[in-house]
Amino acid sequence: MQRDTQRKRAKLETVEPLGKRVLIRKDEDKKATRGGIALPDSIEIPTITGRVVAVSAQIAADDNFPIRQYDKVLFNPKNSVPVDFEPGNQLFVVPIEDVVAVFRFRS
């Protein structure tokens, strides 16, 4: 009985993606374009941007995937799994195949 109580009290501290997946924090939805045009709430955009929160061990060990923690990426949310981890954060476990671009900044 005491063990069950301890499990209930224990809080989830991290989410580690498994296989060929990454954990992404989705950027906030844009309410207007750069030109100032307001976007409707029901607009459906097939790809969205976000920041990589964590990468699976399999992705981190593979040099063929140039994705690292904190990278800004463009991804297709179709096969993503939403994670209800922190209120106010939109986290998704995303298959690596659905990450379509990594933003790189040049100086």
Protein backbone atom coordinates (compact mmCIF):
# COMPACT_ATOMS: atom_id res chain seq x y z
CA MET A 1 0.00 0.00 0.00
CA GLN A 2 2.79 2.42 0.90
CA ARG A 3 4.52 1.70 -2.41
CA ASP A 4 1.39 2.68 -4.40
CA THR A 5 1.22 5.96 -2.50
CA GLN A 6 4.87 6.70 -3.34
CA ARG A 7 4.19 6.07 -7.03
CA LYS A 8 1.27 8.46 -7.00
CA ARG A 9 3.38 11.14 -5.33
CA ALA A 10 6.28 10.70 -7.72
CA LYS A 11 6.13 13.26 -10.49
CA LEU A 12 7.21 12.75 -14.04
CA GLU A 13 10.46 14.67 -14.43
CA THR A 14 11.62 13.88 -17.96
CA VAL A 15 10.35 12.48 -21.21
CA GLU A 16 12.89 10.52 -23.24
CA PRO A 17 11.90 9.60 -26.77
CA LEU A 18 12.69 6.06 -27.88
CA GLY A 19 13.63 4.68 -31.29
CA LYS A 20 14.10 7.17 -34.09
CA ARG A 21 12.15 9.98 -32.45
CA VAL A 22 12.67 13.44 -31.01
CA LEU A 23 10.71 15.44 -28.44
CA ILE A 24 9.74 18.87 -29.75
CA ARG A 25 8.20 21.87 -28.00
CA LYS A 26 5.89 23.42 -30.59
CA ASP A 27 6.23 27.15 -31.20
CA GLU A 28 3.19 29.29 -30.47
CA ASP A 29 0.71 29.58 -33.30
CA LYS A 30 1.06 32.75 -35.30
CA LYS A 31 -1.92 35.05 -35.00
CA ALA A 32 -0.83 37.34 -37.85
CA THR A 33 1.58 37.38 -40.77
CA ARG A 34 4.64 39.64 -40.85
CA GLY A 35 2.63 42.00 -43.01
CA GLY A 36 -0.04 42.28 -40.31
CA ILE A 37 -2.74 40.09 -41.84
CA ALA A 38 -4.71 38.33 -39.08
CA LEU A 39 -4.91 34.55 -39.44
CA PRO A 40 -8.09 32.68 -38.51
CA ASP A 41 -7.92 30.25 -35.59
CA SER A 42 -9.08 27.38 -37.77
CA ILE A 43 -6.20 27.64 -40.26
CA GLU A 44 -4.57 24.28 -40.85
CA ILE A 45 -0.86 24.37 -41.60
CA PRO A 46 0.62 20.97 -42.50
CA THR A 47 4.06 21.75 -41.07
CA ILE A 48 4.92 23.63 -37.90
CA THR A 49 8.04 24.81 -36.12
CA GLY A 50 9.39 24.04 -32.70
CA ARG A 51 12.49 23.47 -30.56
CA VAL A 52 14.00 20.07 -29.94
CA VAL A 53 13.76 19.33 -26.22
CA ALA A 54 15.29 15.84 -26.34
CA VAL A 55 16.56 13.32 -28.88
CA SER A 56 16.50 9.57 -28.51
CA ALA A 57 19.77 7.75 -27.86
CA GLN A 58 19.49 6.16 -31.29
CA ILE A 59 19.33 9.57 -33.03
CA ALA A 60 22.10 11.07 -30.88
CA ALA A 61 24.46 8.21 -31.77
CA ASP A 62 23.76 8.40 -35.52
CA ASP A 63 25.81 10.98 -37.44
CA ASN A 64 23.35 10.74 -40.36
CA PHE A 65 20.86 12.80 -38.35
CA PRO A 66 22.16 16.35 -37.78
CA ILE A 67 19.53 17.12 -35.14
CA ARG A 68 20.57 18.07 -31.64
CA GLN A 69 18.85 19.38 -28.52
CA TYR A 70 17.71 23.04 -28.80
CA ASP A 71 17.69 23.03 -32.62
CA LYS A 72 14.79 24.85 -34.22
CA VAL A 73 13.05 22.52 -36.66
CA LEU A 74 10.19 22.37 -39.12
CA PHE A 75 8.08 19.24 -38.69
CA ASN A 76 4.93 17.58 -39.93
CA PRO A 77 2.63 16.93 -36.94
CA LYS A 78 0.55 14.24 -38.71
CA ASN A 79 2.26 11.25 -37.03
CA SER A 80 3.30 13.09 -33.87
CA VAL A 81 2.16 12.02 -30.43
CA PRO A 82 1.15 14.90 -28.12
CA VAL A 83 2.58 14.75 -24.60
CA ASP A 84 0.59 16.24 -21.74
CA PHE A 85 3.62 16.92 -19.56
CA GLU A 86 3.58 20.57 -18.53
CA PRO A 87 0.59 22.91 -18.63
CA GLY A 88 1.10 25.56 -21.28
CA ASN A 89 3.74 23.62 -23.23
CA GLN A 90 2.84 21.83 -26.40
CA LEU A 91 5.20 18.88 -26.52
CA PHE A 92 5.21 16.25 -29.25
CA VAL A 93 7.12 13.01 -29.77
CA VAL A 94 7.93 13.16 -33.47
CA PRO A 95 9.30 10.40 -35.72
CA ILE A 96 12.57 11.56 -37.28
CA GLU A 97 11.06 11.07 -40.74
CA ASP A 98 8.57 13.85 -39.97
CA VAL A 99 11.28 16.41 -39.19
CA VAL A 100 11.61 18.06 -42.58
CA ALA A 101 14.15 20.83 -41.88
CA VAL A 102 16.58 22.18 -39.30
CA PHE A 103 17.10 25.94 -39.11
CA ARG A 104 20.77 26.92 -39.22
CA PHE A 105 21.96 30.46 -38.58
CA ARG A 106 25.02 31.82 -40.32
CA SER A 107 27.12 34.60 -38.91
